[in-house]
Amino acid sequence: MNCRLTTRWVLAALAMGIASLASADVQDPREADAGSRARINAAAYFMAGLEDSPHALAQTAAWKEHTDFMRSSWSRLTTRQVAAMSTWRDAELGRACPSGATLMYPFSGPDFLNAHWLFPGCATFVMFGLEHIGEIPNINAMNERAQAQLTADVRKAMKNFISRNYFITDSMARQLRTSQLRGVLPVFMLSMALSGMEIVRIAPNDLAPLPRETPAQGQPMRQLKGVTIEYLAPGSSAIHRVHYFTVDAADKGLAHYPEFLAYVRGLAPATTFIKSASYLLHGSEFRQMRATLLEISGTIVQDDTGVPFSMLENRGWNVQLHGRYGRPIPPFGGAYQVELSRAFKAHETPPLPFTFGYQYHDFRDSRSNLIVAQRAPAGAQRQTR
């Protein structure tokens, strides 16, 4: 993977003086000029700790600490995780988007990287979580001390992901609300920079409200907000998009914004990806979202925290099991699936060659699992392996 952004954007940003970057850069689509594009990429480049930063911090020990951490972390990820995951993906999923052109990634937080690693052929990623969108850090309005604090906040925010390959929701609530690092946008940006992407535009994505069929009770945990990030992959001129929504996807929350479920239903046919999702779809509080995902998906790729195995099996989905299944970690012990355990034991699947999901101790751990389910054509014979 190319870990460096195109140098011309950094130079262009310097030449233009790099104006304000904060919430103004979550911009109206009509304002996507080259200067704004350059400023966004320069900020992503800075947070990713890539070489040749144009900022004063580049001459300090704090910058060396940041670049060393990001470089070594990215090297470990690509060596231990990405290489094995890419080989598995090519053999089991292929590089094309499995169903449709859209990847639906519920409860994702800012996990752009796993979506990109497993589904590079999907033109659009639709992702959502409770985490706030936030803002693009205004690097050039910061003094050296603030820049150093931002890089420290970035390292802290990425630590769990780098070591475990998932974000921890409770930790993100603190790590993405610091004085310098706010929301998921910075994490998306630096993830794209590390992957060699060039960000084209960041713009609001507010869904038009729909009338409620019945009055909603109480207040949702989050107000519905959306953002779109457009980017170019290395060597490609095709625009890819991430649509991220801050949303309360529980049934009580969705009652406040029916437009979100209508939007999700309009994505069909789609590929759905579920990972480290706190077993939310196992409970009764998320019935509408679970039913909607089953409705729109042609393919579901998930760990055991996604749609319960028995629901896929009973609906006749063609299911392939990969890796090893064990009892869920605390506090999720009640989400143990007897049917899934029997299926894994019956087929004696080999361990996954990469870390995935909550069953993790270190990179030598072999308890990760993946379930690949495809909707069976009407009348087709049910198959589980």
Foldseek 3Di string as FASTA:
>chain_A
DDLAEDVVLQVLQVVVVNDFFKPPQQDDPVPLDSNSLSNLLLLLCLLLLHPDNPDPLCVDPLSVVLNVVSVVLLVCCCVQPLVLLLVVLCVPPNAAFNFDQEEEEEQAFLLPPVCCSNHVNRQEYEYEHQWDAGIRFRCVVDDSVLSSVSSVLSCQQCVCCSWFVGGDVVSCVPSQPDPGHHTSNSVNSNSCSRQHKRWRGKHWDDFDADDFPDDQPDAAPDDKTKMKIWIDHPPDPRIGIYIYINFRQWPSGCSVGVRVLVVLLVRAQHEYEYFQNLLPQVDPRRVSVLVSCVNRYQKYKYWCSHHHPVVLQVQQWAKEKAFAADQDDPPPNVSDDPVVNVLCVVVVHFFRSARGHDQDDGGVDRHTMMMMTGRDPVPDHRHYD
